[in-house]
Structures are given as C-alpha cells and as structure tokens.
C-alpha cells in the first residue's frame, strides 16, 4: 500500500513539532522542570511516536491518535506560553493557538478522508 505524500508530510510534521515543543518546554526560563513536567513530556513524546508510526503505516488508529496528539499539542502550547514571565505573550497566545488549531483541523480533515 502506497502512502500519500500528505500523510508522509503530516507524520514528519508531528515528529518535528513535537521535538520543538519538548525542547521549548524543557528549556523555558519561566517553567520549573519537575517530575510532573518530565512525566508529561515523556507521555507527549510517546504519543507523538505512536501517532507518527500509525500515520507512517496507515494504521486504523492513526486518525484517533492524531486527534489526541493535536489536542495535547495545543494544550502544551498554551502551558509553555503561559509560563513565560512577560504578560505580552498572553496577547500573542490567541493568534498562535488559533493558527495551530486551524492547521491541525485541516490536517485532521485530510487524514479522515485518507486513512
């Protein structure tokens, strides 16, 4: 079974954006890295790997894991941005979350049709 190029790009995007978000969360100056943050980061990384593997192999659970990953990614984006010390980032938070949510929704609609 051949994978569509869109599915390959989404799988690579999941790995790349998860890596960037984890790096930002673990090196953020305003976020205290404790056991909870490390556990959440490990679970998010595991979910990203399961999602990318499901997309790469076109498994039946790929759409569900992508949807769960995108919800966790938006929540992680909000939490990492709220931890920054400046209050000006809260104003920029809406645009960032809206763009990320729109991109994830378009990708989910595409995956729903393909997978």
PDB file of N, CA and C in Angstrom:
ATOM      1  N   UNK A   1       0.842  -1.173   0.000  1.00  0.00           N
ATOM      2  CA  UNK A   1       0.000   0.000   0.000  1.00  0.00           C
ATOM      3  C   UNK A   1       0.894   1.244   0.000  1.00  0.00           C
ATOM      4  N   UNK A   2       0.674   2.129  -0.923  1.00  0.00           N
ATOM      5  CA  UNK A   2       1.462   3.355  -1.019  1.00  0.00           C
ATOM      6  C   UNK A   2       0.862   4.427  -0.135  1.00  0.00           C
ATOM      7  N   UNK A   3       1.745   5.150   0.516  1.00  0.00           N
ATOM      8  CA  UNK A   3       1.315   6.253   1.375  1.00  0.00           C
ATOM      9  C   UNK A   3       1.195   7.521   0.542  1.00  0.00           C
ATOM     10  N   UNK A   4       0.120   8.255   0.716  1.00  0.00           N
ATOM     11  CA  UNK A   4       0.036   9.561   0.055  1.00  0.00           C
ATOM     12  C   UNK A   4       1.094  10.515   0.626  1.00  0.00           C
ATOM     13  N   UNK A   5       1.542  11.443  -0.176  1.00  0.00           N
ATOM     14  CA  UNK A   5       2.589  12.374   0.238  1.00  0.00           C
ATOM     15  C   UNK A   5       2.117  13.252   1.397  1.00  0.00           C
ATOM     16  N   UNK A   6       0.836  13.547   1.450  1.00  0.00           N
ATOM     17  CA  UNK A   6       0.301  14.357   2.552  1.00  0.00           C
ATOM     18  C   UNK A   6       0.429  13.658   3.889  1.00  0.00           C
ATOM     19  N   UNK A   7       0.221  12.362   3.910  1.00  0.00           N
ATOM     20  CA  UNK A   7       0.343  11.594   5.150  1.00  0.00           C
ATOM     21  C   UNK A   7       1.798  11.563   5.605  1.00  0.00           C
ATOM     22  N   UNK A   8       2.720  11.424   4.672  1.00  0.00           N
ATOM     23  CA  UNK A   8       4.143  11.433   5.000  1.00  0.00           C
ATOM     24  C   UNK A   8       4.537  12.785   5.583  1.00  0.00           C
ATOM     25  N   UNK A   9       4.072  13.860   4.965  1.00  0.00           N
ATOM     26  CA  UNK A   9       4.390  15.198   5.466  1.00  0.00           C
ATOM     27  C   UNK A   9       3.803  15.437   6.848  1.00  0.00           C
ATOM     28  N   UNK A  10       2.594  14.957   7.091  1.00  0.00           N
ATOM     29  CA  UNK A  10       1.972  15.124   8.409  1.00  0.00           C
ATOM     30  C   UNK A  10       2.733  14.321   9.461  1.00  0.00           C
ATOM     31  N   UNK A  11       3.178  13.119   9.127  1.00  0.00           N
ATOM     32  CA  UNK A  11       3.951  12.306  10.076  1.00  0.00           C
ATOM     33  C   UNK A  11       5.277  12.992  10.422  1.00  0.00           C
ATOM     34  N   UNK A  12       5.949  13.537   9.430  1.00  0.00           N
ATOM     35  CA  UNK A  12       7.193  14.267   9.686  1.00  0.00           C
ATOM     36  C   UNK A  12       6.934  15.533  10.490  1.00  0.00           C
ATOM     37  N   UNK A  13       5.809  16.194  10.223  1.00  0.00           N
ATOM     38  CA  UNK A  13       5.436  17.394  10.971  1.00  0.00           C
ATOM     39  C   UNK A  13       5.167  17.063  12.437  1.00  0.00           C
ATOM     40  N   UNK A  14       4.541  15.930  12.692  1.00  0.00           N
ATOM     41  CA  UNK A  14       4.258  15.522  14.072  1.00  0.00           C
ATOM     42  C   UNK A  14       5.562  15.350  14.845  1.00  0.00           C
ATOM     43  N   UNK A  15       6.522  14.672  14.246  1.00  0.00           N
ATOM     44  CA  UNK A  15       7.807  14.452  14.921  1.00  0.00           C
ATOM     45  C   UNK A  15       8.561  15.769  15.105  1.00  0.00           C
ATOM     46  N   UNK A  16       8.618  16.596  14.078  1.00  0.00           N
ATOM     47  CA  UNK A  16       9.368  17.848  14.161  1.00  0.00           C
ATOM     48  C   UNK A  16       8.747  18.825  15.159  1.00  0.00           C
ATOM     49  N   UNK A  17       7.433  18.995  15.096  1.00  0.00           N
ATOM     50  CA  UNK A  17       6.806  19.954  16.004  1.00  0.00           C
ATOM     51  C   UNK A  17       6.811  19.456  17.441  1.00  0.00           C
ATOM     52  N   UNK A  18       6.715  18.156  17.638  1.00  0.00           N
ATOM     53  CA  UNK A  18       6.803  17.611  18.993  1.00  0.00           C
ATOM     54  C   UNK A  18       8.194  17.829  19.569  1.00  0.00           C
ATOM     55  N   UNK A  19       9.207  17.620  18.754  1.00  0.00           N
ATOM     56  CA  UNK A  19      10.577  17.845  19.215  1.00  0.00           C
ATOM     57  C   UNK A  19      10.811  19.301  19.587  1.00  0.00           C
ATOM     58  N   UNK A  20      10.312  20.203  18.754  1.00  0.00           N
ATOM     59  CA  UNK A  20      10.471  21.628  19.046  1.00  0.00           C
ATOM     60  C   UNK A  20       9.717  22.018  20.312  1.00  0.00           C
ATOM     61  N   UNK A  21       8.509  21.502  20.473  1.00  0.00           N
ATOM     62  CA  UNK A  21       7.721  21.852  21.649  1.00  0.00           C
ATOM     63  C   UNK A  21       8.346  21.284  22.922  1.00  0.00           C
ATOM     64  N   UNK A  22       8.867  20.067  22.844  1.00  0.00           N
ATOM     65  CA  UNK A  22       9.524  19.479  24.011  1.00  0.00           C
ATOM     66  C   UNK A  22      10.798  20.241  24.370  1.00  0.00           C
ATOM     67  N   UNK A  23      11.554  20.636  23.376  1.00  0.00           N
ATOM     68  CA  UNK A  23      12.765  21.413  23.639  1.00  0.00           C
ATOM     69  C   UNK A  23      12.419  22.753  24.278  1.00  0.00           C
ATOM     70  N   UNK A  24      11.374  23.393  23.808  1.00  0.00           N
ATOM     71  CA  UNK A  24      10.956  24.673  24.379  1.00  0.00           C
ATOM     72  C   UNK A  24      10.447  24.492  25.801  1.00  0.00           C
ATOM     73  N   UNK A  25       9.699  23.425  26.037  1.00  0.00           N
ATOM     74  CA  UNK A  25       9.134  23.210  27.374  1.00  0.00           C
ATOM     75  C   UNK A  25      10.221  22.888  28.393  1.00  0.00           C
ATOM     76  N   UNK A  26      11.220  22.120  27.982  1.00  0.00           N
ATOM     77  CA  UNK A  26      12.248  21.711  28.938  1.00  0.00           C
ATOM     78  C   UNK A  26      13.327  22.762  29.154  1.00  0.00           C
ATOM     79  N   UNK A  27      13.422  23.748  28.266  1.00  0.00           N
ATOM     80  CA  UNK A  27      14.435  24.797  28.423  1.00  0.00           C
ATOM     81  C   UNK A  27      13.825  26.164  28.677  1.00  0.00           C
ATOM     82  N   UNK A  28      12.553  26.243  28.943  1.00  0.00           N
ATOM     83  CA  UNK A  28      11.893  27.519  29.184  1.00  0.00           C
ATOM     84  C   UNK A  28      12.361  28.113  30.512  1.00  0.00           C
ATOM     85  N   UNK A  29      12.701  29.416  30.509  1.00  0.00           N
ATOM     86  CA  UNK A  29      13.191  30.017  31.752  1.00  0.00           C
ATOM     87  C   UNK A  29      12.100  30.176  32.821  1.00  0.00           C
ATOM     88  N   UNK A  30      10.864  30.318  32.428  1.00  0.00           N
ATOM     89  CA  UNK A  30       9.801  30.542  33.395  1.00  0.00           C
ATOM     90  C   UNK A  30       9.164  29.268  33.905  1.00  0.00           C
ATOM     91  N   UNK A  31       9.489  28.141  33.309  1.00  0.00           N
ATOM     92  CA  UNK A  31       8.873  26.870  33.679  1.00  0.00           C
ATOM     93  C   UNK A  31       9.816  26.092  34.579  1.00  0.00           C
ATOM     94  N   UNK A  32       9.310  25.683  35.704  1.00  0.00           N
ATOM     95  CA  UNK A  32      10.102  24.877  36.626  1.00  0.00           C
ATOM     96  C   UNK A  32      10.037  23.424  36.183  1.00  0.00           C
ATOM     97  N   UNK A  33      11.162  22.837  35.874  1.00  0.00           N
ATOM     98  CA  UNK A  33      11.184  21.461  35.399  1.00  0.00           C
ATOM     99  C   UNK A  33      11.214  20.537  36.618  1.00  0.00           C
ATOM    100  N   UNK A  34      10.108  19.876  36.835  1.00  0.00           N
ATOM    101  CA  UNK A  34       9.998  18.936  37.943  1.00  0.00           C
ATOM    102  C   UNK A  34       9.536  17.592  37.424  1.00  0.00           C
ATOM    103  N   UNK A  35       9.106  16.747  38.343  1.00  0.00           N
ATOM    104  CA  UNK A  35       8.665  15.416  37.945  1.00  0.00           C
ATOM    105  C   UNK A  35       7.438  15.461  37.051  1.00  0.00           C
ATOM    106  N   UNK A  36       6.512  16.351  37.332  1.00  0.00           N
ATOM    107  CA  UNK A  36       5.285  16.422  36.529  1.00  0.00           C
ATOM    108  C   UNK A  36       5.570  16.852  35.103  1.00  0.00           C
ATOM    109  N   UNK A  37       6.460  17.821  34.938  1.00  0.00           N
ATOM    110  CA  UNK A  37       6.795  18.297  33.596  1.00  0.00           C
ATOM    111  C   UNK A  37       7.531  17.205  32.826  1.00  0.00           C
ATOM    112  N   UNK A  38       8.437  16.511  33.489  1.00  0.00           N
ATOM    113  CA  UNK A  38       9.167  15.440  32.817  1.00  0.00           C
ATOM    114  C   UNK A  38       8.249  14.282  32.448  1.00  0.00           C
ATOM    115  N   UNK A  39       7.315  13.948  33.324  1.00  0.00           N
ATOM    116  CA  UNK A  39       6.365  12.875  33.021  1.00  0.00           C
ATOM    117  C   UNK A  39       5.454  13.270  31.870  1.00  0.00           C
ATOM    118  N   UNK A  40       4.957  14.503  31.891  1.00  0.00           N
ATOM    119  CA  UNK A  40       4.102  14.971  30.796  1.00  0.00           C
ATOM    120  C   UNK A  40       4.869  15.016  29.483  1.00  0.00           C
ATOM    121  N   UNK A  41       6.121  15.425  29.530  1.00  0.00           N
ATOM    122  CA  UNK A  41       6.944  15.461  28.317  1.00  0.00           C
ATOM    123  C   UNK A  41       7.191  14.064  27.768  1.00  0.00           C
ATOM    124  N   UNK A  42       7.437  13.116  28.667  1.00  0.00           N
ATOM    125  CA  UNK A  42       7.656  11.737  28.227  1.00  0.00           C
ATOM    126  C   UNK A  42       6.385  11.153  27.609  1.00  0.00           C
ATOM    127  N   UNK A  43       5.242  11.415  28.206  1.00  0.00           N
ATOM    128  CA  UNK A  43       3.977  10.924  27.655  1.00  0.00           C
ATOM    129  C   UNK A  43       3.664  11.579  26.313  1.00  0.00           C
ATOM    130  N   UNK A  44       3.954  12.872  26.187  1.00  0.00           N
ATOM    131  CA  UNK A  44       3.731  13.568  24.926  1.00  0.00           C
ATOM    132  C   UNK A  44       4.641  13.017  23.830  1.00  0.00           C
ATOM    133  N   UNK A  45       5.898  12.739  24.180  1.00  0.00           N
ATOM    134  CA  UNK A  45       6.832  12.162  23.203  1.00  0.00           C
ATOM    135  C   UNK A  45       6.381  10.771  22.777  1.00  0.00           C
ATOM    136  N   UNK A  46       5.900   9.980  23.722  1.00  0.00           N
ATOM    137  CA  UNK A  46       5.398   8.649  23.394  1.00  0.00           C
ATOM    138  C   UNK A  46       4.173   8.739  22.485  1.00  0.00           C
ATOM    139  N   UNK A  47       3.270   9.665  22.791  1.00  0.00           N
ATOM    140  CA  UNK A  47       2.092   9.857  21.947  1.00  0.00           C
ATOM    141  C   UNK A  47       2.482  10.315  20.550  1.00  0.00           C
ATOM    142  N   UNK A  48       3.490  11.160  20.446  1.00  0.00           N
ATOM    143  CA  UNK A  48       3.960  11.611  19.134  1.00  0.00           C
ATOM    144  C   UNK A  48       4.537  10.452  18.328  1.00  0.00           C
ATOM    145  N   UNK A  49       5.276   9.573  18.983  1.00  0.00           N
ATOM    146  CA  UNK A  49       5.836   8.418  18.278  1.00  0.00           C
ATOM    147  C   UNK A  49       4.747   7.445  17.828  1.00  0.00           C
ATOM    148  N   UNK A  50       3.758   7.214  18.679  1.00  0.00           N
ATOM    149  CA  UNK A  50       2.652   6.323  18.299  1.00  0.00           C
ATOM    150  C   UNK A  50       1.860   6.932  17.143  1.00  0.00           C
ATOM    151  N   UNK A  51       1.654   8.237  17.176  1.00  0.00           N
ATOM    152  CA  UNK A  51       0.927   8.918  16.104  1.00  0.00           C
ATOM    153  C   UNK A  51       1.698   8.845  14.792  1.00  0.00           C
ATOM    154  N   UNK A  52       2.992   9.148  14.842  1.00  0.00           N
ATOM    155  CA  UNK A  52       3.790   9.109  13.614  1.00  0.00           C
ATOM    156  C   UNK A  52       3.872   7.695  13.046  1.00  0.00           C
ATOM    157  N   UNK A  53       3.995   6.702  13.918  1.00  0.00           N
ATOM    158  CA  UNK A  53       4.047   5.319  13.444  1.00  0.00           C
ATOM    159  C   UNK A  53       2.716   4.908  12.822  1.00  0.00           C
ATOM    160  N   UNK A  54       1.612   5.312  13.445  1.00  0.00           N
ATOM    161  CA  UNK A  54       0.297   4.992  12.891  1.00  0.00           C
ATOM    162  C   UNK A  54       0.069   5.653  11.548  1.00  0.00           C
ATOM    163  N   UNK A  55       0.546   6.874  11.401  1.00  0.00           N
ATOM    164  CA  UNK A  55       0.417   7.559  10.116  1.00  0.00           C
ATOM    165  C   UNK A  55       1.327   6.931   9.068  1.00  0.00           C
ATOM    166  N   UNK A  56       2.547   6.586   9.474  1.00  0.00           N
ATOM    167  CA  UNK A  56       3.503   6.034   8.527  1.00  0.00           C
ATOM    168  C   UNK A  56       3.030   4.696   7.976  1.00  0.00           C
ATOM    169  N   UNK A  57       2.448   3.873   8.832  1.00  0.00           N
ATOM    170  CA  UNK A  57       1.984   2.546   8.416  1.00  0.00           C
ATOM    171  C   UNK A  57       0.511   2.533   8.007  1.00  0.00           C
ATOM    172  N   UNK A  58      -0.144   3.684   8.055  1.00  0.00           N
ATOM    173  CA  UNK A  58      -1.572   3.827   7.728  1.00  0.00           C
ATOM    174  C   UNK A  58      -2.437   2.864   8.549  1.00  0.00           C
ATOM    175  N   UNK A  59      -2.219   2.881   9.832  1.00  0.00           N
ATOM    176  CA  UNK A  59      -2.984   2.029  10.744  1.00  0.00           C
ATOM    177  C   UNK A  59      -4.377   2.612  10.951  1.00  0.00           C
ATOM    178  N   UNK A  60      -5.339   1.778  11.358  1.00  0.00           N
ATOM    179  CA  UNK A  60      -6.702   2.287  11.576  1.00  0.00           C
ATOM    180  C   UNK A  60      -6.804   3.308  12.709  1.00  0.00           C
ATOM    181  N   UNK A  61      -5.891   3.260  13.662  1.00  0.00           N
ATOM    182  CA  UNK A  61      -5.950   4.182  14.793  1.00  0.00           C
ATOM    183  C   UNK A  61      -5.221   5.497  14.521  1.00  0.00           C
ATOM    184  N   UNK A  62      -4.748   5.719  13.330  1.00  0.00           N
ATOM    185  CA  UNK A  62      -3.946   6.904  13.016  1.00  0.00           C
ATOM    186  C   UNK A  62      -4.738   8.196  13.199  1.00  0.00           C
ATOM    187  N   UNK A  63      -5.983   8.210  12.781  1.00  0.00           N
ATOM    188  CA  UNK A  63      -6.780   9.433  12.910  1.00  0.00           C
ATOM    189  C   UNK A  63      -7.049   9.757  14.371  1.00  0.00           C
ATOM    190  N   UNK A  64      -7.373   8.748  15.162  1.00  0.00           N
ATOM    191  CA  UNK A  64      -7.676   8.966  16.578  1.00  0.00           C
ATOM    192  C   UNK A  64      -6.437   9.446  17.326  1.00  0.00           C
ATOM    193  N   UNK A  65      -5.288   8.823  17.065  1.00  0.00           N
ATOM    194  CA  UNK A  65      -4.075   9.249  17.755  1.00  0.00           C
ATOM    195  C   UNK A  65      -3.629  10.636  17.291  1.00  0.00           C
ATOM    196  N   UNK A  66      -3.849  10.970  16.018  1.00  0.00           N
ATOM    197  CA  UNK A  66      -3.511  12.318  15.566  1.00  0.00           C
ATOM    198  C   UNK A  66      -4.401  13.344  16.246  1.00  0.00           C
ATOM    199  N   UNK A  67      -5.674  13.046  16.390  1.00  0.00           N
ATOM    200  CA  UNK A  67      -6.583  13.973  17.051  1.00  0.00           C
ATOM    201  C   UNK A  67      -6.181  14.162  18.517  1.00  0.00           C
ATOM    202  N   UNK A  68      -5.857  13.078  19.196  1.00  0.00           N
ATOM    203  CA  UNK A  68      -5.415  13.168  20.588  1.00  0.00           C
ATOM    204  C   UNK A  68      -4.092  13.922  20.683  1.00  0.00           C
ATOM    205  N   UNK A  69      -3.174  13.646  19.761  1.00  0.00           N
ATOM    206  CA  UNK A  69      -1.898  14.362  19.761  1.00  0.00           C
ATOM    207  C   UNK A  69      -2.104  15.861  19.539  1.00  0.00           C
ATOM    208  N   UNK A  70      -2.998  16.219  18.622  1.00  0.00           N
ATOM    209  CA  UNK A  70      -3.203  17.646  18.340  1.00  0.00           C
ATOM    210  C   UNK A  70      -3.821  18.364  19.537  1.00  0.00           C
ATOM    211  N   UNK A  71      -4.717  17.711  20.253  1.00  0.00           N
ATOM    212  CA  UNK A  71      -5.271  18.318  21.471  1.00  0.00           C
ATOM    213  C   UNK A  71      -4.186  18.516  22.524  1.00  0.00           C
ATOM    214  N   UNK A  72      -3.343  17.522  22.694  1.00  0.00           N
ATOM    215  CA  UNK A  72      -2.233  17.635  23.652  1.00  0.00           C
ATOM    216  C   UNK A  72      -1.223  18.691  23.206  1.00  0.00           C
ATOM    217  N   UNK A  73      -1.004  18.807  21.907  1.00  0.00           N
ATOM    218  CA  UNK A  73      -0.063  19.805  21.401  1.00  0.00           C
ATOM    219  C   UNK A  73      -0.577  21.217  21.646  1.00  0.00           C
ATOM    220  N   UNK A  74      -1.855  21.441  21.439  1.00  0.00           N
ATOM    221  CA  UNK A  74      -2.423  22.769  21.700  1.00  0.00           C
ATOM    222  C   UNK A  74      -2.367  23.079  23.194  1.00  0.00           C
ATOM    223  N   UNK A  75      -2.685  22.099  24.040  1.00  0.00           N
ATOM    224  CA  UNK A  75      -2.596  22.310  25.484  1.00  0.00           C
ATOM    225  C   UNK A  75      -1.156  22.588  25.905  1.00  0.00           C
ATOM    226  N   UNK A  76      -0.210  21.852  25.357  1.00  0.00           N
ATOM    227  CA  UNK A  76       1.198  22.096  25.658  1.00  0.00           C
ATOM    228  C   UNK A  76       1.662  23.454  25.178  1.00  0.00           C
ATOM    229  N   UNK A  77       1.165  23.878  24.032  1.00  0.00           N
ATOM    230  CA  UNK A  77       1.498  25.201  23.515  1.00  0.00           C
ATOM    231  C   UNK A  77       1.005  26.289  24.455  1.00  0.00           C
ATOM    232  N   UNK A  78      -0.206  26.133  24.937  1.00  0.00           N
ATOM    233  CA  UNK A  78      -0.766  27.117  25.863  1.00  0.00           C
ATOM    234  C   UNK A  78       0.028  27.135  27.161  1.00  0.00           C
ATOM    235  N   UNK A  79       0.327  25.971  27.727  1.00  0.00           N
ATOM    236  CA  UNK A  79       1.039  25.925  29.000  1.00  0.00           C
ATOM    237  C   UNK A  79       2.458  26.453  28.899  1.00  0.00           C
ATOM    238  N   UNK A  80       3.139  26.186  27.798  1.00  0.00           N
ATOM    239  CA  UNK A  80       4.502  26.707  27.663  1.00  0.00           C
ATOM    240  C   UNK A  80       4.497  28.214  27.434  1.00  0.00           C
ATOM    241  N   UNK A  81       3.491  28.723  26.758  1.00  0.00           N
ATOM    242  CA  UNK A  81       3.424  30.168  26.546  1.00  0.00           C
ATOM    243  C   UNK A  81       2.976  30.909  27.804  1.00  0.00           C
ATOM    244  N   UNK A  82       2.104  30.308  28.606  1.00  0.00           N
ATOM    245  CA  UNK A  82       1.657  30.968  29.830  1.00  0.00           C
ATOM    246  C   UNK A  82       2.743  30.999  30.892  1.00  0.00           C
ATOM    247  N   UNK A  83       3.713  30.108  30.796  1.00  0.00           N
ATOM    248  CA  UNK A  83       4.786  30.057  31.778  1.00  0.00           C
ATOM    249  C   UNK A  83       5.823  31.151  31.565  1.00  0.00           C
ATOM    250  N   UNK A  84       5.795  31.826  30.430  1.00  0.00           N
ATOM    251  CA  UNK A  84       6.756  32.893  30.175  1.00  0.00           C
ATOM    252  C   UNK A  84       6.474  34.076  31.094  1.00  0.00           C
ATOM    253  N   UNK A  85       7.504  34.759  31.575  1.00  0.00           N
ATOM    254  CA  UNK A  85       7.300  35.807  32.573  1.00  0.00           C
ATOM    255  C   UNK A  85       6.605  37.063  32.053  1.00  0.00           C
ATOM    256  N   UNK A  86       6.738  37.405  30.800  1.00  0.00           N
ATOM    257  CA  UNK A  86       6.158  38.634  30.274  1.00  0.00           C
ATOM    258  C   UNK A  86       4.661  38.465  30.037  1.00  0.00           C
ATOM    259  N   UNK A  87       3.887  39.499  30.358  1.00  0.00           N
ATOM    260  CA  UNK A  87       2.440  39.422  30.155  1.00  0.00           C
ATOM    261  C   UNK A  87       2.050  39.684  28.701  1.00  0.00           C
ATOM    262  N   UNK A  88       2.967  40.211  27.898  1.00  0.00           N
ATOM    263  CA  UNK A  88       2.676  40.468  26.497  1.00  0.00           C
ATOM    264  C   UNK A  88       2.480  39.208  25.688  1.00  0.00           C
ATOM    265  N   UNK A  89       3.002  38.091  26.173  1.00  0.00           N
ATOM    266  CA  UNK A  89       2.860  36.819  25.455  1.00  0.00           C
ATOM    267  C   UNK A  89       1.437  36.296  25.526  1.00  0.00           C
ATOM    268  N   UNK A  90       0.689  36.722  26.531  1.00  0.00           N
ATOM    269  CA  UNK A  90      -0.695  36.267  26.638  1.00  0.00           C
ATOM    270  C   UNK A  90      -1.541  36.856  25.511  1.00  0.00           C
ATOM    271  N   UNK A  91      -1.182  38.041  25.059  1.00  0.00           N
ATOM    272  CA  UNK A  91      -1.903  38.656  23.949  1.00  0.00           C
ATOM    273  C   UNK A  91      -1.615  37.896  22.660  1.00  0.00           C
ATOM    274  N   UNK A  92      -0.370  37.471  22.470  1.00  0.00           N
ATOM    275  CA  UNK A  92       0.011  36.740  21.271  1.00  0.00           C
ATOM    276  C   UNK A  92      -0.452  35.290  21.306  1.00  0.00           C
ATOM    277  N   UNK A  93      -0.904  34.838  22.443  1.00  0.00           N
ATOM    278  CA  UNK A  93      -1.292  33.446  22.605  1.00  0.00           C
ATOM    279  C   UNK A  93      -2.495  33.089  21.748  1.00  0.00           C
ATOM    280  N   UNK A  94      -3.472  33.990  21.639  1.00  0.00           N
ATOM    281  CA  UNK A  94      -4.678  33.683  20.884  1.00  0.00           C
ATOM    282  C   UNK A  94      -4.365  33.405  19.419  1.00  0.00           C
ATOM    283  N   UNK A  95      -3.555  34.223  18.803  1.00  0.00           N
ATOM    284  CA  UNK A  95      -3.212  34.028  17.393  1.00  0.00           C
ATOM    285  C   UNK A  95      -2.449  32.739  17.167  1.00  0.00           C
ATOM    286  N   UNK A  96      -1.541  32.421  18.067  1.00  0.00           N
ATOM    287  CA  UNK A  96      -0.761  31.200  17.945  1.00  0.00           C
ATOM    288  C   UNK A  96      -1.639  29.969  18.070  1.00  0.00           C
ATOM    289  N   UNK A  97      -2.506  29.976  19.064  1.00  0.00           N
ATOM    290  CA  UNK A  97      -3.398  28.831  19.280  1.00  0.00           C
ATOM    291  C   UNK A  97      -4.403  28.704  18.134  1.00  0.00           C
ATOM    292  N   UNK A  98      -4.904  29.821  17.639  1.00  0.00           N
ATOM    293  CA  UNK A  98      -5.860  29.777  16.530  1.00  0.00           C
ATOM    294  C   UNK A  98      -5.205  29.223  15.267  1.00  0.00           C
ATOM    295  N   UNK A  99      -4.002  29.659  14.963  1.00  0.00           N
ATOM    296  CA  UNK A  99      -3.304  29.147  13.774  1.00  0.00           C
ATOM    297  C   UNK A  99      -2.976  27.669  13.922  1.00  0.00           C
ATOM    298  N   UNK A 100      -2.508  27.269  15.096  1.00  0.00           N
ATOM    299  CA  UNK A 100      -2.187  25.858  15.318  1.00  0.00           C
ATOM    300  C   UNK A 100      -3.446  25.006  15.234  1.00  0.00           C
ATOM    301  N   UNK A 101      -4.525  25.472  15.855  1.00  0.00           N
ATOM    302  CA  UNK A 101      -5.783  24.722  15.804  1.00  0.00           C
ATOM    303  C   UNK A 101      -6.324  24.589  14.395  1.00  0.00           C
ATOM    304  N   UNK A 102      -6.210  25.644  13.610  1.00  0.00           N
ATOM    305  CA  UNK A 102      -6.671  25.597  12.226  1.00  0.00           C
ATOM    306  C   UNK A 102      -5.827  24.629  11.398  1.00  0.00           C
ATOM    307  N   UNK A 103      -4.512  24.660  11.593  1.00  0.00           N
ATOM    308  CA  UNK A 103      -3.641  23.733  10.859  1.00  0.00           C
ATOM    309  C   UNK A 103      -3.929  22.284  11.245  1.00  0.00           C
ATOM    310  N   UNK A 104      -4.129  22.029  12.541  1.00  0.00           N
ATOM    311  CA  UNK A 104      -4.442  20.671  12.988  1.00  0.00           C
ATOM    312  C   UNK A 104      -5.801  20.221  12.477  1.00  0.00           C
ATOM    313  N   UNK A 105      -6.760  21.129  12.414  1.00  0.00           N
ATOM    314  CA  UNK A 105      -8.092  20.770  11.919  1.00  0.00           C
ATOM    315  C   UNK A 105      -8.052  20.416  10.433  1.00  0.00           C
ATOM    316  N   UNK A 106      -7.318  21.189   9.644  1.00  0.00           N
ATOM    317  CA  UNK A 106      -7.194  20.888   8.216  1.00  0.00           C
ATOM    318  C   UNK A 106      -6.497  19.545   8.014  1.00  0.00           C
ATOM    319  N   UNK A 107      -5.437  19.298   8.791  1.00  0.00           N
ATOM    320  CA  UNK A 107      -4.742  18.018   8.690  1.00  0.00           C
ATOM    321  C   UNK A 107      -5.643  16.861   9.117  1.00  0.00           C
ATOM    322  N   UNK A 108      -6.454  17.073  10.148  1.00  0.00           N
ATOM    323  CA  UNK A 108      -7.361  16.019  10.611  1.00  0.00           C
ATOM    324  C   UNK A 108      -8.438  15.724   9.571  1.00  0.00           C
ATOM    325  N   UNK A 109      -8.959  16.745   8.923  1.00  0.00           N
ATOM    326  CA  UNK A 109      -9.951  16.519   7.879  1.00  0.00           C
ATOM    327  C   UNK A 109      -9.335  15.747   6.702  1.00  0.00           C
ATOM    328  N   UNK A 110      -8.096  16.082   6.360  1.00  0.00           N
ATOM    329  CA  UNK A 110      -7.410  15.350   5.295  1.00  0.00           C
ATOM    330  C   UNK A 110      -7.188  13.900   5.700  1.00  0.00           C
ATOM    331  N   UNK A 111      -6.735  13.695   6.938  1.00  0.00           N
ATOM    332  CA  UNK A 111      -6.485  12.321   7.398  1.00  0.00           C
ATOM    333  C   UNK A 111      -7.762  11.506   7.500  1.00  0.00           C
ATOM    334  N   UNK A 112      -8.837  12.154   7.877  1.00  0.00           N
ATOM    335  CA  UNK A 112     -10.119  11.445   7.979  1.00  0.00           C
ATOM    336  C   UNK A 112     -10.522  10.890   6.609  1.00  0.00           C
ATOM    337  N   UNK A 113     -10.212  11.618   5.568  1.00  0.00           N
ATOM    338  CA  UNK A 113     -10.558  11.170   4.227  1.00  0.00           C
ATOM    339  C   UNK A 113      -9.611  10.094   3.720  1.00  0.00           C
ATOM    340  N   UNK A 114      -8.323  10.196   4.080  1.00  0.00           N
ATOM    341  CA  UNK A 114      -7.314   9.297   3.537  1.00  0.00           C
ATOM    342  C   UNK A 114      -7.202   7.991   4.333  1.00  0.00           C
ATOM    343  N   UNK A 115      -7.192   8.108   5.650  1.00  0.00           N
ATOM    344  CA  UNK A 115      -6.927   6.904   6.482  1.00  0.00           C
ATOM    345  C   UNK A 115      -8.155   6.144   6.746  1.00  0.00           C
TER     346      UNK A 115
END
